[in-house]
């Protein structure tokens, strides 16, 4: 039995159902971005050393390209791309809004 995993593309925020594991050659059907990459991984964190919270993972230079990392776990929420940026800007404006 294989399970369906929903991956949210880091590039376009599309929700992609994947049957079983995310393969190294899998890509987003909407924008063709690689799915098995750091930016789609649960351990990806731009604020961490090497931008990865998994201390045993090998260094990966191109975070948006497919790689062979054995620690890859699909990020369920995605990075949000433009929507996340717009939401952060709106929240900042609301915070510093003059009354």
N, C-alpha and C. Protein backbone atom coordinates (compact mmCIF):
# COMPACT_ATOMS: atom_id res chain seq x y z
N UNK A 1 0.83 -1.17 0.00
CA UNK A 1 0.00 0.00 0.00
C UNK A 1 0.88 1.25 0.00
N UNK A 2 0.61 2.15 -0.91
CA UNK A 2 1.34 3.40 -0.93
C UNK A 2 0.38 4.53 -0.55
N UNK A 3 0.93 5.50 0.11
CA UNK A 3 0.09 6.60 0.57
C UNK A 3 0.25 7.81 -0.34
N UNK A 4 -0.78 8.62 -0.38
CA UNK A 4 -0.75 9.85 -1.16
C UNK A 4 -0.21 10.96 -0.26
N UNK A 5 0.83 11.63 -0.72
CA UNK A 5 1.42 12.75 -0.01
C UNK A 5 1.10 14.02 -0.80
N UNK A 6 0.71 15.06 -0.11
CA UNK A 6 0.45 16.33 -0.77
C UNK A 6 1.65 17.24 -0.56
N UNK A 7 2.30 17.61 -1.66
CA UNK A 7 3.46 18.50 -1.62
C UNK A 7 3.03 19.86 -2.15
N UNK A 8 3.42 20.92 -1.46
CA UNK A 8 3.14 22.27 -1.91
C UNK A 8 4.41 22.81 -2.55
N UNK A 9 4.33 23.13 -3.83
CA UNK A 9 5.49 23.61 -4.59
C UNK A 9 6.02 24.91 -4.01
N UNK A 10 7.33 24.97 -3.78
CA UNK A 10 7.95 26.18 -3.23
C UNK A 10 7.89 27.33 -4.23
N UNK A 11 7.81 27.03 -5.49
CA UNK A 11 7.88 28.05 -6.53
C UNK A 11 6.53 28.70 -6.84
N UNK A 12 5.48 27.88 -7.01
CA UNK A 12 4.18 28.42 -7.42
C UNK A 12 3.06 28.15 -6.43
N UNK A 13 3.35 27.46 -5.33
CA UNK A 13 2.40 27.13 -4.27
C UNK A 13 1.29 26.17 -4.70
N UNK A 14 1.47 25.48 -5.82
CA UNK A 14 0.50 24.48 -6.25
C UNK A 14 0.57 23.27 -5.33
N UNK A 15 -0.58 22.68 -5.04
CA UNK A 15 -0.63 21.46 -4.24
C UNK A 15 -0.58 20.27 -5.18
N UNK A 16 0.44 19.43 -5.01
CA UNK A 16 0.65 18.29 -5.90
C UNK A 16 0.50 17.00 -5.11
N UNK A 17 -0.46 16.14 -5.47
CA UNK A 17 -0.56 14.84 -4.82
C UNK A 17 0.50 13.90 -5.40
N UNK A 18 1.26 13.26 -4.53
CA UNK A 18 2.31 12.33 -4.95
C UNK A 18 2.00 10.98 -4.34
N UNK A 19 1.95 9.95 -5.16
CA UNK A 19 1.67 8.60 -4.72
C UNK A 19 2.96 7.95 -4.25
N UNK A 20 3.11 7.74 -2.95
CA UNK A 20 4.33 7.16 -2.39
C UNK A 20 5.35 8.23 -2.08
N UNK A 21 6.62 7.94 -2.37
CA UNK A 21 7.71 8.87 -2.09
C UNK A 21 7.88 9.87 -3.23
N UNK A 22 8.42 11.05 -2.89
CA UNK A 22 8.74 12.05 -3.91
C UNK A 22 10.06 11.62 -4.54
N UNK A 23 10.03 11.38 -5.84
CA UNK A 23 11.22 10.94 -6.56
C UNK A 23 12.12 12.09 -6.95
N UNK A 24 13.37 11.78 -7.20
CA UNK A 24 14.36 12.79 -7.57
C UNK A 24 14.00 13.49 -8.87
N UNK A 25 13.32 12.81 -9.76
CA UNK A 25 12.97 13.39 -11.06
C UNK A 25 11.56 13.98 -11.10
N UNK A 26 10.83 13.93 -10.00
CA UNK A 26 9.47 14.48 -9.97
C UNK A 26 9.54 16.01 -10.05
N UNK A 27 8.61 16.57 -10.79
CA UNK A 27 8.54 18.02 -10.88
C UNK A 27 7.10 18.50 -10.78
N UNK A 28 6.94 19.78 -10.57
CA UNK A 28 5.62 20.38 -10.44
C UNK A 28 4.96 20.42 -11.81
N UNK A 29 3.74 19.88 -11.94
CA UNK A 29 3.08 19.90 -13.24
C UNK A 29 2.68 21.31 -13.69
N UNK A 30 2.64 22.25 -12.76
CA UNK A 30 2.23 23.61 -13.11
C UNK A 30 3.41 24.47 -13.59
N UNK A 31 4.52 24.46 -12.83
CA UNK A 31 5.64 25.35 -13.16
C UNK A 31 6.93 24.61 -13.50
N UNK A 32 6.93 23.31 -13.39
CA UNK A 32 8.08 22.44 -13.70
C UNK A 32 9.26 22.57 -12.75
N UNK A 33 9.05 23.14 -11.56
CA UNK A 33 10.11 23.21 -10.55
C UNK A 33 10.33 21.81 -9.97
N UNK A 34 11.57 21.50 -9.60
CA UNK A 34 11.88 20.21 -8.99
C UNK A 34 11.17 20.08 -7.65
N UNK A 35 10.63 18.89 -7.37
CA UNK A 35 9.95 18.66 -6.10
C UNK A 35 10.89 18.13 -5.02
N UNK A 36 11.85 17.27 -5.40
CA UNK A 36 12.79 16.69 -4.44
C UNK A 36 13.98 17.64 -4.29
N UNK A 37 13.72 18.80 -3.67
CA UNK A 37 14.77 19.80 -3.48
C UNK A 37 14.66 20.37 -2.06
N UNK A 38 15.69 21.05 -1.66
CA UNK A 38 15.74 21.59 -0.30
C UNK A 38 14.56 22.50 0.03
N UNK A 39 14.18 23.35 -0.91
CA UNK A 39 13.12 24.31 -0.62
C UNK A 39 11.75 23.65 -0.45
N UNK A 40 11.63 22.38 -0.80
CA UNK A 40 10.38 21.65 -0.57
C UNK A 40 10.52 20.68 0.60
N UNK A 41 11.60 20.77 1.34
CA UNK A 41 11.87 19.83 2.43
C UNK A 41 11.47 20.41 3.79
N UNK A 42 11.00 19.55 4.65
CA UNK A 42 10.61 19.93 6.02
C UNK A 42 11.80 20.50 6.80
N UNK A 43 13.02 20.07 6.49
CA UNK A 43 14.21 20.53 7.21
C UNK A 43 14.77 21.84 6.69
N UNK A 44 14.28 22.34 5.57
CA UNK A 44 14.81 23.59 4.99
C UNK A 44 14.48 24.76 5.91
N UNK A 45 15.50 25.52 6.25
CA UNK A 45 15.33 26.70 7.09
C UNK A 45 16.42 27.70 6.73
N UNK A 46 16.07 28.79 6.06
CA UNK A 46 17.08 29.76 5.63
C UNK A 46 17.90 30.35 6.78
N UNK A 47 17.41 30.25 8.01
CA UNK A 47 18.11 30.83 9.15
C UNK A 47 19.06 29.84 9.83
N UNK A 48 19.04 28.58 9.42
CA UNK A 48 19.90 27.56 10.02
C UNK A 48 21.23 27.47 9.27
N UNK A 49 22.21 26.87 9.93
CA UNK A 49 23.49 26.62 9.28
C UNK A 49 23.25 25.76 8.05
N UNK A 50 23.83 26.13 6.93
CA UNK A 50 23.66 25.43 5.66
C UNK A 50 22.19 25.41 5.21
N UNK A 51 21.36 26.24 5.82
CA UNK A 51 19.93 26.35 5.51
C UNK A 51 19.19 25.02 5.70
N UNK A 52 19.67 24.20 6.64
CA UNK A 52 19.07 22.89 6.90
C UNK A 52 19.11 22.58 8.39
N UNK A 53 17.98 22.13 8.94
CA UNK A 53 17.92 21.78 10.36
C UNK A 53 18.38 20.35 10.62
N UNK A 54 18.66 19.57 9.57
CA UNK A 54 19.18 18.21 9.74
C UNK A 54 20.71 18.29 9.77
N UNK A 55 21.33 18.09 10.94
CA UNK A 55 22.78 18.27 11.06
C UNK A 55 23.62 17.26 10.28
N UNK A 56 23.08 16.11 9.94
CA UNK A 56 23.85 15.09 9.24
C UNK A 56 23.74 15.17 7.71
N UNK A 57 22.90 16.06 7.22
CA UNK A 57 22.70 16.18 5.77
C UNK A 57 23.94 16.77 5.11
N UNK A 58 24.22 16.30 3.88
CA UNK A 58 25.32 16.85 3.11
C UNK A 58 24.99 18.27 2.66
N UNK A 59 26.03 19.04 2.38
CA UNK A 59 25.84 20.40 1.89
C UNK A 59 25.28 20.36 0.47
N UNK A 60 24.23 21.13 0.24
CA UNK A 60 23.63 21.24 -1.08
C UNK A 60 23.70 22.71 -1.47
N UNK A 61 24.36 23.00 -2.58
CA UNK A 61 24.56 24.40 -3.01
C UNK A 61 23.29 25.00 -3.61
N UNK A 62 22.65 24.27 -4.53
CA UNK A 62 21.46 24.79 -5.21
C UNK A 62 20.21 24.26 -4.52
N UNK A 63 19.63 25.06 -3.66
CA UNK A 63 18.50 24.64 -2.82
C UNK A 63 17.21 24.44 -3.61
N UNK A 64 17.12 24.99 -4.81
CA UNK A 64 15.90 24.87 -5.60
C UNK A 64 16.01 23.81 -6.69
N UNK A 65 17.09 23.03 -6.69
CA UNK A 65 17.31 21.99 -7.69
C UNK A 65 17.22 20.60 -7.06
N UNK A 66 16.89 19.64 -7.86
CA UNK A 66 16.77 18.25 -7.40
C UNK A 66 18.10 17.77 -6.82
N UNK A 67 18.03 16.93 -5.77
CA UNK A 67 19.26 16.41 -5.16
C UNK A 67 19.02 15.00 -4.63
N UNK A 68 20.07 14.39 -4.11
CA UNK A 68 20.02 13.01 -3.63
C UNK A 68 19.96 12.91 -2.11
N UNK A 69 19.52 13.92 -1.42
CA UNK A 69 19.52 13.92 0.05
C UNK A 69 18.61 12.81 0.59
N UNK A 70 19.18 11.98 1.46
CA UNK A 70 18.43 10.87 2.07
C UNK A 70 17.50 11.35 3.18
N UNK A 71 17.67 12.58 3.65
CA UNK A 71 16.86 13.09 4.75
C UNK A 71 15.63 13.87 4.26
N UNK A 72 15.44 13.94 2.96
CA UNK A 72 14.33 14.70 2.39
C UNK A 72 12.99 14.22 2.93
N UNK A 73 12.20 15.17 3.45
CA UNK A 73 10.82 14.92 3.87
C UNK A 73 10.00 16.06 3.28
N UNK A 74 8.97 15.75 2.50
CA UNK A 74 8.19 16.81 1.86
C UNK A 74 7.59 17.79 2.87
N UNK A 75 7.78 19.04 2.59
CA UNK A 75 7.20 20.10 3.42
C UNK A 75 5.71 20.14 3.12
N UNK A 76 4.90 20.07 4.14
CA UNK A 76 3.45 20.04 3.96
C UNK A 76 2.89 21.43 3.69
N UNK A 77 3.48 22.47 4.27
CA UNK A 77 2.92 23.81 4.14
C UNK A 77 3.52 24.60 2.98
N UNK A 78 4.68 24.21 2.49
CA UNK A 78 5.32 24.97 1.42
C UNK A 78 5.89 26.28 1.95
N UNK A 79 6.58 26.99 1.08
CA UNK A 79 7.13 28.28 1.46
C UNK A 79 6.19 29.41 1.14
N UNK A 80 5.27 29.17 0.28
CA UNK A 80 4.27 30.18 0.00
C UNK A 80 4.59 31.15 -1.11
N UNK A 81 5.84 31.27 -1.52
CA UNK A 81 6.19 32.15 -2.62
C UNK A 81 5.68 33.56 -2.44
N UNK A 82 5.03 34.09 -3.46
CA UNK A 82 4.54 35.46 -3.46
C UNK A 82 3.46 35.67 -2.41
N UNK A 83 2.57 34.70 -2.21
CA UNK A 83 1.49 34.86 -1.24
C UNK A 83 2.03 35.09 0.17
N UNK A 84 3.06 34.37 0.53
CA UNK A 84 3.65 34.52 1.85
C UNK A 84 4.28 35.90 1.99
N UNK A 85 4.95 36.36 0.96
CA UNK A 85 5.58 37.67 0.97
C UNK A 85 4.53 38.76 1.14
N UNK A 86 3.45 38.65 0.37
CA UNK A 86 2.39 39.64 0.45
C UNK A 86 1.73 39.64 1.83
N UNK A 87 1.55 38.46 2.40
CA UNK A 87 0.95 38.36 3.73
C UNK A 87 1.86 39.00 4.78
N UNK A 88 3.17 38.78 4.67
CA UNK A 88 4.12 39.38 5.62
C UNK A 88 4.14 40.89 5.49
N UNK A 89 4.11 41.40 4.26
CA UNK A 89 4.09 42.85 4.06
C UNK A 89 2.81 43.47 4.63
N UNK A 90 1.68 42.81 4.42
CA UNK A 90 0.42 43.31 4.96
C UNK A 90 0.44 43.31 6.48
N UNK A 91 1.00 42.28 7.07
CA UNK A 91 1.09 42.21 8.54
C UNK A 91 2.01 43.30 9.08
N UNK A 92 3.12 43.56 8.39
CA UNK A 92 4.04 44.62 8.82
C UNK A 92 3.38 45.99 8.71
N UNK A 93 2.67 46.22 7.63
CA UNK A 93 1.98 47.49 7.46
C UNK A 93 0.91 47.69 8.54
N UNK A 94 0.20 46.61 8.86
CA UNK A 94 -0.82 46.70 9.89
C UNK A 94 -0.21 46.98 11.25
N UNK A 95 0.97 46.40 11.51
CA UNK A 95 1.64 46.57 12.78
C UNK A 95 2.11 48.02 12.98
N UNK A 96 2.62 48.62 11.90
CA UNK A 96 3.18 49.97 12.01
C UNK A 96 2.24 51.06 11.51
N UNK A 97 0.99 50.69 11.30
CA UNK A 97 -0.01 51.64 10.81
C UNK A 97 -0.26 52.73 11.85
N UNK A 98 -0.26 53.96 11.36
CA UNK A 98 -0.53 55.09 12.27
C UNK A 98 -2.01 55.14 12.58
N UNK A 99 -2.32 55.45 13.85
CA UNK A 99 -3.71 55.52 14.28
C UNK A 99 -4.20 56.92 14.35
